[in-house]
Amino acid sequence: MPLNLDSESITVFCPHCSNQHEERILRLKYEPRLSCPACGKYIVINLLDLYTMLESAQKSCKALLKKLTRMSNGKSPH
C-alpha cells in the first residue's frame, strides 16, 4: 500500500526574499505556483522534483517497514 503524504507539510523557500514557510504537499501538487507570504512574489514549484522526492520517500519508508517487520519477527535486519 503506497504511503500517502498529501496531508504532510514541507518547507518552501522563496528565491526572492529567502523567506521560508510551510505548505501542504497536496496544495503544491495542484497549485505549483504560489505567492510568497512575505514578499508577495511568485514561487514556482518544480513538479518533477516534487514527485521524485515523494517517490524517494515512499521507497525509504517501504524499506524501513520491511526491516521493522523482519525485526519484529525475530530476524536480523541484515
C-alpha atoms as a PDB file:
ATOM      1  CA  MET A   1       0.000   0.000   0.000  1.00  0.00           C
ATOM      2  CA  PRO A   2       1.531   3.344  -1.009  1.00  0.00           C
ATOM      3  CA  LEU A   3       2.198   5.894   1.680  1.00  0.00           C
ATOM      4  CA  ASN A   4       0.004   8.977   1.246  1.00  0.00           C
ATOM      5  CA  LEU A   5       1.997  12.106   2.104  1.00  0.00           C
ATOM      6  CA  ASP A   6      -0.504  14.622   0.683  1.00  0.00           C
ATOM      7  CA  SER A   7      -1.535  15.914   4.106  1.00  0.00           C
ATOM      8  CA  GLU A   8       2.078  16.433   5.219  1.00  0.00           C
ATOM      9  CA  SER A   9       3.792  19.826   5.026  1.00  0.00           C
ATOM     10  CA  ILE A  10       7.174  20.705   3.609  1.00  0.00           C
ATOM     11  CA  THR A  11       9.234  23.869   3.895  1.00  0.00           C
ATOM     12  CA  VAL A  12       9.153  26.123   0.833  1.00  0.00           C
ATOM     13  CA  PHE A  13      11.918  28.706   0.366  1.00  0.00           C
ATOM     14  CA  CYS A  14      11.306  31.926  -1.533  1.00  0.00           C
ATOM     15  CA  PRO A  15      14.137  32.564  -4.007  1.00  0.00           C
ATOM     16  CA  HIS A  16      13.338  36.297  -3.927  1.00  0.00           C
ATOM     17  CA  CYS A  17      13.432  37.127  -0.202  1.00  0.00           C
ATOM     18  CA  SER A  18      14.745  33.872   1.344  1.00  0.00           C
ATOM     19  CA  ASN A  19      11.616  33.570   3.492  1.00  0.00           C
ATOM     20  CA  GLN A  20      10.582  30.055   4.355  1.00  0.00           C
ATOM     21  CA  HIS A  21       7.129  28.778   5.154  1.00  0.00           C
ATOM     22  CA  GLU A  22       5.223  25.511   5.300  1.00  0.00           C
ATOM     23  CA  GLU A  23       2.928  24.266   2.546  1.00  0.00           C
ATOM     24  CA  ARG A  24       0.966  21.039   2.308  1.00  0.00           C
ATOM     25  CA  ILE A  25       2.130  18.629  -0.362  1.00  0.00           C
ATOM     26  CA  LEU A  26      -1.390  18.294  -1.772  1.00  0.00           C
ATOM     27  CA  ARG A  27      -1.589  22.044  -2.375  1.00  0.00           C
ATOM     28  CA  LEU A  28       1.774  22.051  -4.148  1.00  0.00           C
ATOM     29  CA  LYS A  29       0.640  19.216  -6.425  1.00  0.00           C
ATOM     30  CA  TYR A  30      -2.393  21.189  -7.594  1.00  0.00           C
ATOM     31  CA  GLU A  31      -1.052  24.733  -7.209  1.00  0.00           C
ATOM     32  CA  PRO A  32       2.665  24.643  -8.077  1.00  0.00           C
ATOM     33  CA  ARG A  33       2.713  28.446  -8.453  1.00  0.00           C
ATOM     34  CA  LEU A  34       2.139  30.227  -5.166  1.00  0.00           C
ATOM     35  CA  SER A  35       2.652  33.665  -3.728  1.00  0.00           C
ATOM     36  CA  CYS A  36       5.265  34.177  -1.002  1.00  0.00           C
ATOM     37  CA  PRO A  37       3.533  35.345   2.183  1.00  0.00           C
ATOM     38  CA  ALA A  38       6.461  37.674   2.976  1.00  0.00           C
ATOM     39  CA  CYS A  39       7.224  39.461  -0.292  1.00  0.00           C
ATOM     40  CA  GLY A  40       4.217  38.551  -2.466  1.00  0.00           C
ATOM     41  CA  LYS A  41       6.333  37.379  -5.405  1.00  0.00           C
ATOM     42  CA  TYR A  42       5.581  34.079  -7.068  1.00  0.00           C
ATOM     43  CA  ILE A  43       7.352  30.846  -6.229  1.00  0.00           C
ATOM     44  CA  VAL A  44       7.148  28.095  -8.846  1.00  0.00           C
ATOM     45  CA  ILE A  45       7.480  24.526  -7.604  1.00  0.00           C
ATOM     46  CA  ASN A  46       9.134  22.075  -9.984  1.00  0.00           C
ATOM     47  CA  LEU A  47       6.615  19.224 -10.043  1.00  0.00           C
ATOM     48  CA  LEU A  48       9.146  16.737 -11.440  1.00  0.00           C
ATOM     49  CA  ASP A  49      11.400  17.402  -8.427  1.00  0.00           C
ATOM     50  CA  LEU A  50       8.442  17.164  -6.047  1.00  0.00           C
ATOM     51  CA  TYR A  51       7.276  13.817  -7.426  1.00  0.00           C
ATOM     52  CA  THR A  52      10.863  12.488  -7.464  1.00  0.00           C
ATOM     53  CA  MET A  53      11.290  13.393  -3.792  1.00  0.00           C
ATOM     54  CA  LEU A  54       7.939  11.823  -2.901  1.00  0.00           C
ATOM     55  CA  GLU A  55       8.880   8.614  -4.728  1.00  0.00           C
ATOM     56  CA  SER A  56      12.192   8.523  -2.862  1.00  0.00           C
ATOM     57  CA  ALA A  57      10.381   8.958   0.463  1.00  0.00           C
ATOM     58  CA  GLN A  58       7.995   6.138  -0.500  1.00  0.00           C
ATOM     59  CA  LYS A  59      10.911   3.791  -1.215  1.00  0.00           C
ATOM     60  CA  SER A  60      12.697   4.704   2.025  1.00  0.00           C
ATOM     61  CA  CYS A  61       9.565   4.130   4.095  1.00  0.00           C
ATOM     62  CA  LYS A  62       8.902   0.819   2.357  1.00  0.00           C
ATOM     63  CA  ALA A  63      12.469  -0.348   3.097  1.00  0.00           C
ATOM     64  CA  LEU A  64      12.183   0.753   6.734  1.00  0.00           C
ATOM     65  CA  LEU A  65       8.853  -1.031   7.156  1.00  0.00           C
ATOM     66  CA  LYS A  66      10.387  -4.183   5.685  1.00  0.00           C
ATOM     67  CA  LYS A  67      13.285  -4.022   8.185  1.00  0.00           C
ATOM     68  CA  LEU A  68      10.955  -3.381  11.116  1.00  0.00           C
ATOM     69  CA  THR A  69       8.760  -6.291  10.096  1.00  0.00           C
ATOM     70  CA  ARG A  70      11.774  -8.623   9.966  1.00  0.00           C
ATOM     71  CA  MET A  71      12.951  -7.381  13.378  1.00  0.00           C
ATOM     72  CA  SER A  72       9.533  -7.915  14.942  1.00  0.00           C
ATOM     73  CA  ASN A  73       9.599 -11.470  13.608  1.00  0.00           C
ATOM     74  CA  GLY A  74      12.906 -12.074  15.419  1.00  0.00           C
ATOM     75  CA  LYS A  75      15.081 -11.925  12.326  1.00  0.00           C
ATOM     76  CA  SER A  76      18.233  -9.865  11.902  1.00  0.00           C
ATOM     77  CA  PRO A  77      17.741  -6.674   9.812  1.00  0.00           C
ATOM     78  CA  HIS A  78      20.833  -7.544   7.728  1.00  0.00           C
END
